[in-house]
């Protein structure tokens, strides 16, 4: 991978969701996940904060589509950053969001 090139992005909302599962498992699991996420960041993966633009777009998506706020903010992050695709196991949930492209991990070759 080219140094400094963004190879993927996610909302910090997604980061929090990943960490909740790890913390529920154990503090050791949380440390392991944190290490793995740090390695992703080292090769260009970015976790993007919820800023004002994401908040506005997320609110618009929630109002129009009825998604829960965290899911609307994740969709907004993807749209505003021109992500190739939002990777999700719940494509149906995001189907109502206009112009949002989705893929499952399996469609991208991940198990």
PDB file of N, CA and C in Angstrom:
ATOM      1  N   UNK A   1       0.838  -1.187   0.000  1.00  0.00           N
ATOM      2  CA  UNK A   1       0.000   0.000   0.000  1.00  0.00           C
ATOM      3  C   UNK A   1       0.879   1.244   0.000  1.00  0.00           C
ATOM      4  N   UNK A   2       0.434   2.221  -0.713  1.00  0.00           N
ATOM      5  CA  UNK A   2       1.182   3.467  -0.807  1.00  0.00           C
ATOM      6  C   UNK A   2       1.120   4.229   0.512  1.00  0.00           C
ATOM      7  N   UNK A   3       2.267   4.684   0.987  1.00  0.00           N
ATOM      8  CA  UNK A   3       2.333   5.392   2.271  1.00  0.00           C
ATOM      9  C   UNK A   3       1.453   6.629   2.243  1.00  0.00           C
ATOM     10  N   UNK A   4       0.655   6.817   3.276  1.00  0.00           N
ATOM     11  CA  UNK A   4      -0.181   7.995   3.407  1.00  0.00           C
ATOM     12  C   UNK A   4      -1.486   7.932   2.642  1.00  0.00           C
ATOM     13  N   UNK A   5      -1.667   6.928   1.788  1.00  0.00           N
ATOM     14  CA  UNK A   5      -2.896   6.811   1.005  1.00  0.00           C
ATOM     15  C   UNK A   5      -4.006   6.235   1.879  1.00  0.00           C
ATOM     16  N   UNK A   6      -5.177   6.848   1.841  1.00  0.00           N
ATOM     17  CA  UNK A   6      -6.313   6.350   2.599  1.00  0.00           C
ATOM     18  C   UNK A   6      -6.852   5.117   1.893  1.00  0.00           C
ATOM     19  N   UNK A   7      -6.859   3.997   2.592  1.00  0.00           N
ATOM     20  CA  UNK A   7      -7.338   2.746   2.017  1.00  0.00           C
ATOM     21  C   UNK A   7      -8.743   2.399   2.497  1.00  0.00           C
ATOM     22  N   UNK A   8      -9.220   3.129   3.451  1.00  0.00           N
ATOM     23  CA  UNK A   8     -10.557   2.914   3.978  1.00  0.00           C
ATOM     24  C   UNK A   8     -10.866   3.989   4.992  1.00  0.00           C
ATOM     25  N   UNK A   9     -12.141   4.159   5.248  1.00  0.00           N
ATOM     26  CA  UNK A   9     -12.546   5.138   6.248  1.00  0.00           C
ATOM     27  C   UNK A   9     -13.771   4.636   6.974  1.00  0.00           C
ATOM     28  N   UNK A  10     -13.938   5.147   8.164  1.00  0.00           N
ATOM     29  CA  UNK A  10     -15.107   4.814   8.977  1.00  0.00           C
ATOM     30  C   UNK A  10     -15.389   5.969   9.918  1.00  0.00           C
ATOM     31  N   UNK A  11     -16.618   6.048  10.319  1.00  0.00           N
ATOM     32  CA  UNK A  11     -17.017   7.025  11.316  1.00  0.00           C
ATOM     33  C   UNK A  11     -16.490   6.604  12.686  1.00  0.00           C
ATOM     34  N   UNK A  12     -16.218   7.581  13.520  1.00  0.00           N
ATOM     35  CA  UNK A  12     -15.862   7.243  14.897  1.00  0.00           C
ATOM     36  C   UNK A  12     -17.039   6.558  15.602  1.00  0.00           C
ATOM     37  N   UNK A  13     -18.241   6.698  15.076  1.00  0.00           N
ATOM     38  CA  UNK A  13     -19.401   5.961  15.594  1.00  0.00           C
ATOM     39  C   UNK A  13     -19.156   4.461  15.402  1.00  0.00           C
ATOM     40  N   UNK A  14     -18.645   4.086  14.232  1.00  0.00           N
ATOM     41  CA  UNK A  14     -18.324   2.687  13.957  1.00  0.00           C
ATOM     42  C   UNK A  14     -17.231   2.204  14.902  1.00  0.00           C
ATOM     43  N   UNK A  15     -16.239   3.044  15.124  1.00  0.00           N
ATOM     44  CA  UNK A  15     -15.174   2.709  16.068  1.00  0.00           C
ATOM     45  C   UNK A  15     -15.764   2.388  17.444  1.00  0.00           C
ATOM     46  N   UNK A  16     -16.660   3.228  17.919  1.00  0.00           N
ATOM     47  CA  UNK A  16     -17.281   3.001  19.228  1.00  0.00           C
ATOM     48  C   UNK A  16     -18.063   1.690  19.237  1.00  0.00           C
ATOM     49  N   UNK A  17     -18.772   1.392  18.147  1.00  0.00           N
ATOM     50  CA  UNK A  17     -19.545   0.151  18.089  1.00  0.00           C
ATOM     51  C   UNK A  17     -18.621  -1.072  18.149  1.00  0.00           C
ATOM     52  N   UNK A  18     -17.497  -1.010  17.459  1.00  0.00           N
ATOM     53  CA  UNK A  18     -16.519  -2.108  17.502  1.00  0.00           C
ATOM     54  C   UNK A  18     -15.989  -2.287  18.918  1.00  0.00           C
ATOM     55  N   UNK A  19     -15.651  -1.186  19.555  1.00  0.00           N
ATOM     56  CA  UNK A  19     -15.075  -1.245  20.903  1.00  0.00           C
ATOM     57  C   UNK A  19     -16.078  -1.736  21.951  1.00  0.00           C
ATOM     58  N   UNK A  20     -17.349  -1.430  21.789  1.00  0.00           N
ATOM     59  CA  UNK A  20     -18.360  -1.923  22.737  1.00  0.00           C
ATOM     60  C   UNK A  20     -18.328  -3.449  22.772  1.00  0.00           C
ATOM     61  N   UNK A  21     -18.310  -4.058  21.593  1.00  0.00           N
ATOM     62  CA  UNK A  21     -18.261  -5.518  21.536  1.00  0.00           C
ATOM     63  C   UNK A  21     -17.011  -6.069  22.189  1.00  0.00           C
ATOM     64  N   UNK A  22     -15.886  -5.414  21.957  1.00  0.00           N
ATOM     65  CA  UNK A  22     -14.631  -5.865  22.549  1.00  0.00           C
ATOM     66  C   UNK A  22     -14.652  -5.719  24.069  1.00  0.00           C
ATOM     67  N   UNK A  23     -15.122  -4.574  24.562  1.00  0.00           N
ATOM     68  CA  UNK A  23     -15.186  -4.372  26.013  1.00  0.00           C
ATOM     69  C   UNK A  23     -16.141  -5.355  26.679  1.00  0.00           C
ATOM     70  N   UNK A  24     -17.208  -5.692  25.995  1.00  0.00           N
ATOM     71  CA  UNK A  24     -18.138  -6.670  26.569  1.00  0.00           C
ATOM     72  C   UNK A  24     -17.471  -8.035  26.699  1.00  0.00           C
ATOM     73  N   UNK A  25     -16.572  -8.334  25.767  1.00  0.00           N
ATOM     74  CA  UNK A  25     -15.870  -9.619  25.814  1.00  0.00           C
ATOM     75  C   UNK A  25     -14.857  -9.640  26.956  1.00  0.00           C
ATOM     76  N   UNK A  26     -13.964  -8.657  26.989  1.00  0.00           N
ATOM     77  CA  UNK A  26     -12.964  -8.562  28.056  1.00  0.00           C
ATOM     78  C   UNK A  26     -12.056  -7.374  27.784  1.00  0.00           C
ATOM     79  N   UNK A  27     -11.349  -6.947  28.815  1.00  0.00           N
ATOM     80  CA  UNK A  27     -10.414  -5.841  28.618  1.00  0.00           C
ATOM     81  C   UNK A  27      -9.261  -6.278  27.716  1.00  0.00           C
ATOM     82  N   UNK A  28      -8.903  -7.564  27.767  1.00  0.00           N
ATOM     83  CA  UNK A  28      -7.859  -8.080  26.878  1.00  0.00           C
ATOM     84  C   UNK A  28      -8.324  -8.005  25.424  1.00  0.00           C
ATOM     85  N   UNK A  29      -9.566  -8.350  25.177  1.00  0.00           N
ATOM     86  CA  UNK A  29     -10.112  -8.267  23.820  1.00  0.00           C
ATOM     87  C   UNK A  29     -10.101  -6.824  23.334  1.00  0.00           C
ATOM     88  N   UNK A  30     -10.419  -5.887  24.207  1.00  0.00           N
ATOM     89  CA  UNK A  30     -10.415  -4.473  23.840  1.00  0.00           C
ATOM     90  C   UNK A  30      -9.014  -4.022  23.450  1.00  0.00           C
ATOM     91  N   UNK A  31      -8.001  -4.480  24.192  1.00  0.00           N
ATOM     92  CA  UNK A  31      -6.617  -4.117  23.871  1.00  0.00           C
ATOM     93  C   UNK A  31      -6.197  -4.718  22.534  1.00  0.00           C
ATOM     94  N   UNK A  32      -6.627  -5.951  22.261  1.00  0.00           N
ATOM     95  CA  UNK A  32      -6.318  -6.611  20.992  1.00  0.00           C
ATOM     96  C   UNK A  32      -6.962  -5.862  19.833  1.00  0.00           C
ATOM     97  N   UNK A  33      -8.216  -5.477  19.996  1.00  0.00           N
ATOM     98  CA  UNK A  33      -8.918  -4.718  18.955  1.00  0.00           C
ATOM     99  C   UNK A  33      -8.237  -3.376  18.747  1.00  0.00           C
ATOM    100  N   UNK A  34      -7.857  -2.717  19.822  1.00  0.00           N
ATOM    101  CA  UNK A  34      -7.183  -1.427  19.714  1.00  0.00           C
ATOM    102  C   UNK A  34      -5.877  -1.561  18.932  1.00  0.00           C
ATOM    103  N   UNK A  35      -5.133  -2.614  19.180  1.00  0.00           N
ATOM    104  CA  UNK A  35      -3.888  -2.857  18.455  1.00  0.00           C
ATOM    105  C   UNK A  35      -4.166  -3.081  16.966  1.00  0.00           C
ATOM    106  N   UNK A  36      -5.186  -3.873  16.666  1.00  0.00           N
ATOM    107  CA  UNK A  36      -5.543  -4.130  15.270  1.00  0.00           C
ATOM    108  C   UNK A  36      -5.972  -2.839  14.567  1.00  0.00           C
ATOM    109  N   UNK A  37      -6.746  -2.014  15.255  1.00  0.00           N
ATOM    110  CA  UNK A  37      -7.182  -0.749  14.669  1.00  0.00           C
ATOM    111  C   UNK A  37      -6.001   0.186  14.442  1.00  0.00           C
ATOM    112  N   UNK A  38      -5.051   0.187  15.338  1.00  0.00           N
ATOM    113  CA  UNK A  38      -3.840   0.998  15.175  1.00  0.00           C
ATOM    114  C   UNK A  38      -3.054   0.559  13.941  1.00  0.00           C
ATOM    115  N   UNK A  39      -3.005  -0.750  13.709  1.00  0.00           N
ATOM    116  CA  UNK A  39      -2.316  -1.259  12.518  1.00  0.00           C
ATOM    117  C   UNK A  39      -3.039  -0.837  11.245  1.00  0.00           C
ATOM    118  N   UNK A  40      -4.361  -0.828  11.281  1.00  0.00           N
ATOM    119  CA  UNK A  40      -5.128  -0.340  10.125  1.00  0.00           C
ATOM    120  C   UNK A  40      -4.807   1.129   9.846  1.00  0.00           C
ATOM    121  N   UNK A  41      -4.775   1.922  10.901  1.00  0.00           N
ATOM    122  CA  UNK A  41      -4.467   3.345  10.739  1.00  0.00           C
ATOM    123  C   UNK A  41      -3.059   3.554  10.186  1.00  0.00           C
ATOM    124  N   UNK A  42      -2.143   2.686  10.559  1.00  0.00           N
ATOM    125  CA  UNK A  42      -0.755   2.809  10.094  1.00  0.00           C
ATOM    126  C   UNK A  42      -0.639   2.608   8.586  1.00  0.00           C
ATOM    127  N   UNK A  43      -1.594   1.897   7.984  1.00  0.00           N
ATOM    128  CA  UNK A  43      -1.551   1.689   6.532  1.00  0.00           C
ATOM    129  C   UNK A  43      -2.566   2.556   5.792  1.00  0.00           C
ATOM    130  N   UNK A  44      -3.073   3.581   6.461  1.00  0.00           N
ATOM    131  CA  UNK A  44      -3.898   4.565   5.776  1.00  0.00           C
ATOM    132  C   UNK A  44      -5.376   4.556   6.069  1.00  0.00           C
ATOM    133  N   UNK A  45      -5.859   3.630   6.897  1.00  0.00           N
ATOM    134  CA  UNK A  45      -7.275   3.627   7.262  1.00  0.00           C
ATOM    135  C   UNK A  45      -7.541   4.817   8.179  1.00  0.00           C
ATOM    136  N   UNK A  46      -8.641   5.509   7.964  1.00  0.00           N
ATOM    137  CA  UNK A  46      -8.959   6.706   8.750  1.00  0.00           C
ATOM    138  C   UNK A  46     -10.295   6.548   9.480  1.00  0.00           C
ATOM    139  N   UNK A  47     -10.321   6.969  10.735  1.00  0.00           N
ATOM    140  CA  UNK A  47     -11.566   7.096  11.486  1.00  0.00           C
ATOM    141  C   UNK A  47     -11.905   8.576  11.513  1.00  0.00           C
ATOM    142  N   UNK A  48     -13.052   8.914  10.964  1.00  0.00           N
ATOM    143  CA  UNK A  48     -13.431  10.316  10.817  1.00  0.00           C
ATOM    144  C   UNK A  48     -14.417  10.739  11.893  1.00  0.00           C
ATOM    145  N   UNK A  49     -14.209  11.920  12.463  1.00  0.00           N
ATOM    146  CA  UNK A  49     -15.097  12.394  13.527  1.00  0.00           C
ATOM    147  C   UNK A  49     -16.444  12.867  12.980  1.00  0.00           C
ATOM    148  N   UNK A  50     -17.392  12.927  13.877  1.00  0.00           N
ATOM    149  CA  UNK A  50     -18.688  13.515  13.542  1.00  0.00           C
ATOM    150  C   UNK A  50     -18.531  15.021  13.702  1.00  0.00           C
ATOM    151  N   UNK A  51     -18.433  15.697  12.566  1.00  0.00           N
ATOM    152  CA  UNK A  51     -18.318  17.152  12.597  1.00  0.00           C
ATOM    153  C   UNK A  51     -19.673  17.769  12.257  1.00  0.00           C
ATOM    154  N   UNK A  52     -19.685  19.068  12.115  1.00  0.00           N
ATOM    155  CA  UNK A  52     -20.946  19.778  11.861  1.00  0.00           C
ATOM    156  C   UNK A  52     -21.627  19.309  10.567  1.00  0.00           C
ATOM    157  N   UNK A  53     -20.852  19.136   9.501  1.00  0.00           N
ATOM    158  CA  UNK A  53     -21.422  18.706   8.219  1.00  0.00           C
ATOM    159  C   UNK A  53     -22.041  17.314   8.338  1.00  0.00           C
ATOM    160  N   UNK A  54     -21.354  16.412   9.024  1.00  0.00           N
ATOM    161  CA  UNK A  54     -21.881  15.056   9.229  1.00  0.00           C
ATOM    162  C   UNK A  54     -23.137  15.114  10.088  1.00  0.00           C
ATOM    163  N   UNK A  55     -23.140  15.954  11.107  1.00  0.00           N
ATOM    164  CA  UNK A  55     -24.322  16.082  11.965  1.00  0.00           C
ATOM    165  C   UNK A  55     -25.537  16.556  11.166  1.00  0.00           C
ATOM    166  N   UNK A  56     -25.345  17.560  10.315  1.00  0.00           N
ATOM    167  CA  UNK A  56     -26.460  18.063   9.493  1.00  0.00           C
ATOM    168  C   UNK A  56     -26.951  16.994   8.519  1.00  0.00           C
ATOM    169  N   UNK A  57     -26.017  16.352   7.814  1.00  0.00           N
ATOM    170  CA  UNK A  57     -26.401  15.324   6.837  1.00  0.00           C
ATOM    171  C   UNK A  57     -27.030  14.140   7.554  1.00  0.00           C
ATOM    172  N   UNK A  58     -26.480  13.754   8.695  1.00  0.00           N
ATOM    173  CA  UNK A  58     -27.059  12.660   9.466  1.00  0.00           C
ATOM    174  C   UNK A  58     -28.482  12.963   9.915  1.00  0.00           C
ATOM    175  N   UNK A  59     -28.716  14.192  10.342  1.00  0.00           N
ATOM    176  CA  UNK A  59     -30.068  14.597  10.745  1.00  0.00           C
ATOM    177  C   UNK A  59     -31.020  14.549   9.555  1.00  0.00           C
ATOM    178  N   UNK A  60     -30.549  14.995   8.407  1.00  0.00           N
ATOM    179  CA  UNK A  60     -31.362  14.957   7.179  1.00  0.00           C
ATOM    180  C   UNK A  60     -31.722  13.510   6.827  1.00  0.00           C
ATOM    181  N   UNK A  61     -30.739  12.613   6.899  1.00  0.00           N
ATOM    182  CA  UNK A  61     -30.976  11.200   6.588  1.00  0.00           C
ATOM    183  C   UNK A  61     -31.941  10.589   7.601  1.00  0.00           C
ATOM    184  N   UNK A  62     -31.747  10.885   8.879  1.00  0.00           N
ATOM    185  CA  UNK A  62     -32.647  10.345   9.912  1.00  0.00           C
ATOM    186  C   UNK A  62     -34.077  10.809   9.677  1.00  0.00           C
ATOM    187  N   UNK A  63     -34.246  12.099   9.376  1.00  0.00           N
ATOM    188  CA  UNK A  63     -35.587  12.642   9.147  1.00  0.00           C
ATOM    189  C   UNK A  63     -36.242  12.020   7.913  1.00  0.00           C
ATOM    190  N   UNK A  64     -35.469  11.820   6.864  1.00  0.00           N
ATOM    191  CA  UNK A  64     -36.017  11.317   5.603  1.00  0.00           C
ATOM    192  C   UNK A  64     -36.219   9.803   5.593  1.00  0.00           C
ATOM    193  N   UNK A  65     -35.336   9.075   6.254  1.00  0.00           N
ATOM    194  CA  UNK A  65     -35.320   7.618   6.114  1.00  0.00           C
ATOM    195  C   UNK A  65     -35.673   6.857   7.373  1.00  0.00           C
ATOM    196  N   UNK A  66     -35.673   7.534   8.521  1.00  0.00           N
ATOM    197  CA  UNK A  66     -36.031   6.876   9.770  1.00  0.00           C
ATOM    198  C   UNK A  66     -34.952   6.006  10.381  1.00  0.00           C
ATOM    199  N   UNK A  67     -33.715   6.123   9.891  1.00  0.00           N
ATOM    200  CA  UNK A  67     -32.629   5.356  10.506  1.00  0.00           C
ATOM    201  C   UNK A  67     -32.378   5.857  11.917  1.00  0.00           C
ATOM    202  N   UNK A  68     -31.858   4.984  12.774  1.00  0.00           N
ATOM    203  CA  UNK A  68     -31.412   5.422  14.092  1.00  0.00           C
ATOM    204  C   UNK A  68     -30.262   6.394  13.880  1.00  0.00           C
ATOM    205  N   UNK A  69     -30.106   7.328  14.799  1.00  0.00           N
ATOM    206  CA  UNK A  69     -29.110   8.378  14.622  1.00  0.00           C
ATOM    207  C   UNK A  69     -27.696   7.841  14.377  1.00  0.00           C
ATOM    208  N   UNK A  70     -27.207   6.847  15.127  1.00  0.00           N
ATOM    209  CA  UNK A  70     -25.852   6.364  14.818  1.00  0.00           C
ATOM    210  C   UNK A  70     -25.711   5.864  13.377  1.00  0.00           C
ATOM    211  N   UNK A  71     -26.727   5.149  12.891  1.00  0.00           N
ATOM    212  CA  UNK A  71     -26.688   4.631  11.522  1.00  0.00           C
ATOM    213  C   UNK A  71     -26.763   5.762  10.497  1.00  0.00           C
ATOM    214  N   UNK A  72     -27.552   6.785  10.790  1.00  0.00           N
ATOM    215  CA  UNK A  72     -27.639   7.946   9.899  1.00  0.00           C
ATOM    216  C   UNK A  72     -26.302   8.691   9.848  1.00  0.00           C
ATOM    217  N   UNK A  73     -25.622   8.792  10.981  1.00  0.00           N
ATOM    218  CA  UNK A  73     -24.311   9.458  11.013  1.00  0.00           C
ATOM    219  C   UNK A  73     -23.258   8.649  10.252  1.00  0.00           C
ATOM    220  N   UNK A  74     -23.331   7.341  10.334  1.00  0.00           N
ATOM    221  CA  UNK A  74     -22.415   6.483   9.570  1.00  0.00           C
ATOM    222  C   UNK A  74     -22.661   6.666   8.073  1.00  0.00           C
ATOM    223  N   UNK A  75     -23.927   6.676   7.664  1.00  0.00           N
ATOM    224  CA  UNK A  75     -24.259   6.895   6.255  1.00  0.00           C
ATOM    225  C   UNK A  75     -23.785   8.269   5.801  1.00  0.00           C
ATOM    226  N   UNK A  76     -23.989   9.282   6.622  1.00  0.00           N
ATOM    227  CA  UNK A  76     -23.562  10.645   6.280  1.00  0.00           C
ATOM    228  C   UNK A  76     -22.054  10.717   6.103  1.00  0.00           C
ATOM    229  N   UNK A  77     -21.311  10.059   6.977  1.00  0.00           N
ATOM    230  CA  UNK A  77     -19.852  10.032   6.864  1.00  0.00           C
ATOM    231  C   UNK A  77     -19.436   9.430   5.530  1.00  0.00           C
ATOM    232  N   UNK A  78     -20.075   8.343   5.162  1.00  0.00           N
ATOM    233  CA  UNK A  78     -19.767   7.679   3.892  1.00  0.00           C
ATOM    234  C   UNK A  78     -20.066   8.599   2.706  1.00  0.00           C
ATOM    235  N   UNK A  79     -21.237   9.194   2.701  1.00  0.00           N
ATOM    236  CA  UNK A  79     -21.635  10.066   1.592  1.00  0.00           C
ATOM    237  C   UNK A  79     -20.757  11.303   1.470  1.00  0.00           C
ATOM    238  N   UNK A  80     -20.521  11.969   2.582  1.00  0.00           N
ATOM    239  CA  UNK A  80     -19.769  13.227   2.544  1.00  0.00           C
ATOM    240  C   UNK A  80     -18.294  13.042   2.217  1.00  0.00           C
ATOM    241  N   UNK A  81     -17.803  11.818   2.379  1.00  0.00           N
ATOM    242  CA  UNK A  81     -16.396  11.547   2.081  1.00  0.00           C
ATOM    243  C   UNK A  81     -16.215  10.721   0.815  1.00  0.00           C
ATOM    244  N   UNK A  82     -17.296  10.650   0.027  1.00  0.00           N
ATOM    245  CA  UNK A  82     -17.260   9.976  -1.277  1.00  0.00           C
ATOM    246  C   UNK A  82     -16.685   8.566  -1.193  1.00  0.00           C
ATOM    247  N   UNK A  83     -17.085   7.844  -0.163  1.00  0.00           N
ATOM    248  CA  UNK A  83     -16.628   6.466  -0.008  1.00  0.00           C
ATOM    249  C   UNK A  83     -17.128   5.632  -1.182  1.00  0.00           C
ATOM    250  N   UNK A  84     -16.289   4.734  -1.637  1.00  0.00           N
ATOM    251  CA  UNK A  84     -16.683   3.847  -2.731  1.00  0.00           C
ATOM    252  C   UNK A  84     -17.930   3.062  -2.348  1.00  0.00           C
ATOM    253  N   UNK A  85     -17.971   2.601  -1.096  1.00  0.00           N
ATOM    254  CA  UNK A  85     -19.087   1.799  -0.638  1.00  0.00           C
ATOM    255  C   UNK A  85     -19.101   1.770   0.887  1.00  0.00           C
ATOM    256  N   UNK A  86     -20.284   1.751   1.465  1.00  0.00           N
ATOM    257  CA  UNK A  86     -20.421   1.549   2.900  1.00  0.00           C
ATOM    258  C   UNK A  86     -20.502   0.040   3.111  1.00  0.00           C
ATOM    259  N   UNK A  87     -19.573  -0.499   3.872  1.00  0.00           N
ATOM    260  CA  UNK A  87     -19.544  -1.939   4.115  1.00  0.00           C
ATOM    261  C   UNK A  87     -20.440  -2.233   5.310  1.00  0.00           C
ATOM    262  N   UNK A  88     -21.418  -3.108   5.078  1.00  0.00           N
ATOM    263  CA  UNK A  88     -22.408  -3.414   6.106  1.00  0.00           C
ATOM    264  C   UNK A  88     -22.957  -4.814   5.906  1.00  0.00           C
ATOM    265  N   UNK A  89     -23.416  -5.404   6.970  1.00  0.00           N
ATOM    266  CA  UNK A  89     -24.119  -6.682   6.862  1.00  0.00           C
ATOM    267  C   UNK A  89     -25.631  -6.445   6.773  1.00  0.00           C
ATOM    268  N   UNK A  90     -26.052  -5.188   6.819  1.00  0.00           N
ATOM    269  CA  UNK A  90     -27.475  -4.846   6.774  1.00  0.00           C
ATOM    270  C   UNK A  90     -27.752  -3.862   5.633  1.00  0.00           C
ATOM    271  N   UNK A  91     -27.601  -4.333   4.407  1.00  0.00           N
ATOM    272  CA  UNK A  91     -27.814  -3.472   3.243  1.00  0.00           C
ATOM    273  C   UNK A  91     -29.259  -2.960   3.181  1.00  0.00           C
ATOM    274  N   UNK A  92     -30.196  -3.778   3.640  1.00  0.00           N
ATOM    275  CA  UNK A  92     -31.606  -3.395   3.603  1.00  0.00           C
ATOM    276  C   UNK A  92     -31.862  -2.124   4.417  1.00  0.00           C
ATOM    277  N   UNK A  93     -31.190  -2.022   5.574  1.00  0.00           N
ATOM    278  CA  UNK A  93     -31.381  -0.856   6.435  1.00  0.00           C
ATOM    279  C   UNK A  93     -30.993   0.434   5.708  1.00  0.00           C
ATOM    280  N   UNK A  94     -29.912   0.381   4.927  1.00  0.00           N
ATOM    281  CA  UNK A  94     -29.401   1.577   4.260  1.00  0.00           C
ATOM    282  C   UNK A  94     -30.004   1.801   2.874  1.00  0.00           C
ATOM    283  N   UNK A  95     -30.869   0.895   2.408  1.00  0.00           N
ATOM    284  CA  UNK A  95     -31.411   0.973   1.054  1.00  0.00           C
ATOM    285  C   UNK A  95     -32.195   2.261   0.795  1.00  0.00           C
ATOM    286  N   UNK A  96     -32.780   2.834   1.818  1.00  0.00           N
ATOM    287  CA  UNK A  96     -33.583   4.054   1.647  1.00  0.00           C
ATOM    288  C   UNK A  96     -32.742   5.320   1.498  1.00  0.00           C
ATOM    289  N   UNK A  97     -31.452   5.232   1.768  1.00  0.00           N
ATOM    290  CA  UNK A  97     -30.587   6.412   1.727  1.00  0.00           C
ATOM    291  C   UNK A  97     -30.145   6.658   0.288  1.00  0.00           C
ATOM    292  N   UNK A  98     -30.603   7.767  -0.250  1.00  0.00           N
ATOM    293  CA  UNK A  98     -30.334   8.116  -1.645  1.00  0.00           C
ATOM    294  C   UNK A  98     -28.834   8.271  -1.904  1.00  0.00           C
ATOM    295  N   UNK A  99     -28.385   7.688  -2.995  1.00  0.00           N
ATOM    296  CA  UNK A  99     -27.004   7.789  -3.478  1.00  0.00           C
ATOM    297  C   UNK A  99     -25.978   7.041  -2.628  1.00  0.00           C
ATOM    298  N   UNK A 100     -26.411   6.272  -1.655  1.00  0.00           N
ATOM    299  CA  UNK A 100     -25.475   5.531  -0.812  1.00  0.00           C
ATOM    300  C   UNK A 100     -25.250   4.139  -1.402  1.00  0.00           C
ATOM    301  N   UNK A 101     -24.002   3.858  -1.731  1.00  0.00           N
ATOM    302  CA  UNK A 101     -23.634   2.541  -2.232  1.00  0.00           C
ATOM    303  C   UNK A 101     -23.237   1.668  -1.046  1.00  0.00           C
ATOM    304  N   UNK A 102     -23.717   0.416  -1.047  1.00  0.00           N
ATOM    305  CA  UNK A 102     -23.382  -0.496   0.045  1.00  0.00           C
ATOM    306  C   UNK A 102     -22.833  -1.807  -0.510  1.00  0.00           C
ATOM    307  N   UNK A 103     -22.024  -2.456   0.288  1.00  0.00           N
ATOM    308  CA  UNK A 103     -21.483  -3.780  -0.028  1.00  0.00           C
ATOM    309  C   UNK A 103     -21.400  -4.562   1.269  1.00  0.00           C
ATOM    310  N   UNK A 104     -21.548  -5.857   1.168  1.00  0.00           N
ATOM    311  CA  UNK A 104     -21.293  -6.708   2.325  1.00  0.00           C
ATOM    312  C   UNK A 104     -19.807  -7.058   2.330  1.00  0.00           C
ATOM    313  N   UNK A 105     -19.282  -7.455   3.482  1.00  0.00           N
ATOM    314  CA  UNK A 105     -17.877  -7.891   3.499  1.00  0.00           C
ATOM    315  C   UNK A 105     -17.632  -9.035   2.504  1.00  0.00           C
ATOM    316  N   UNK A 106     -18.592  -9.945   2.391  1.00  0.00           N
ATOM    317  CA  UNK A 106     -18.454 -11.072   1.497  1.00  0.00           C
ATOM    318  C   UNK A 106     -18.380 -10.620   0.030  1.00  0.00           C
ATOM    319  N   UNK A 107     -19.148  -9.607  -0.317  1.00  0.00           N
ATOM    320  CA  UNK A 107     -19.099  -9.080  -1.692  1.00  0.00           C
ATOM    321  C   UNK A 107     -17.738  -8.492  -2.023  1.00  0.00           C
ATOM    322  N   UNK A 108     -17.021  -8.074  -0.992  1.00  0.00           N
ATOM    323  CA  UNK A 108     -15.687  -7.506  -1.175  1.00  0.00           C
ATOM    324  C   UNK A 108     -14.581  -8.549  -0.984  1.00  0.00           C
ATOM    325  N   UNK A 109     -14.980  -9.792  -0.778  1.00  0.00           N
ATOM    326  CA  UNK A 109     -14.004 -10.869  -0.660  1.00  0.00           C
ATOM    327  C   UNK A 109     -13.554 -11.168   0.761  1.00  0.00           C
ATOM    328  N   UNK A 110     -14.255 -10.623   1.770  1.00  0.00           N
ATOM    329  CA  UNK A 110     -13.917 -10.883   3.175  1.00  0.00           C
ATOM    330  C   UNK A 110     -14.931 -11.851   3.756  1.00  0.00           C
ATOM    331  N   UNK A 111     -14.520 -12.599   4.745  1.00  0.00           N
ATOM    332  CA  UNK A 111     -15.409 -13.571   5.373  1.00  0.00           C
ATOM    333  C   UNK A 111     -15.937 -13.058   6.663  1.00  0.00           C
TER     334      UNK A 111
END
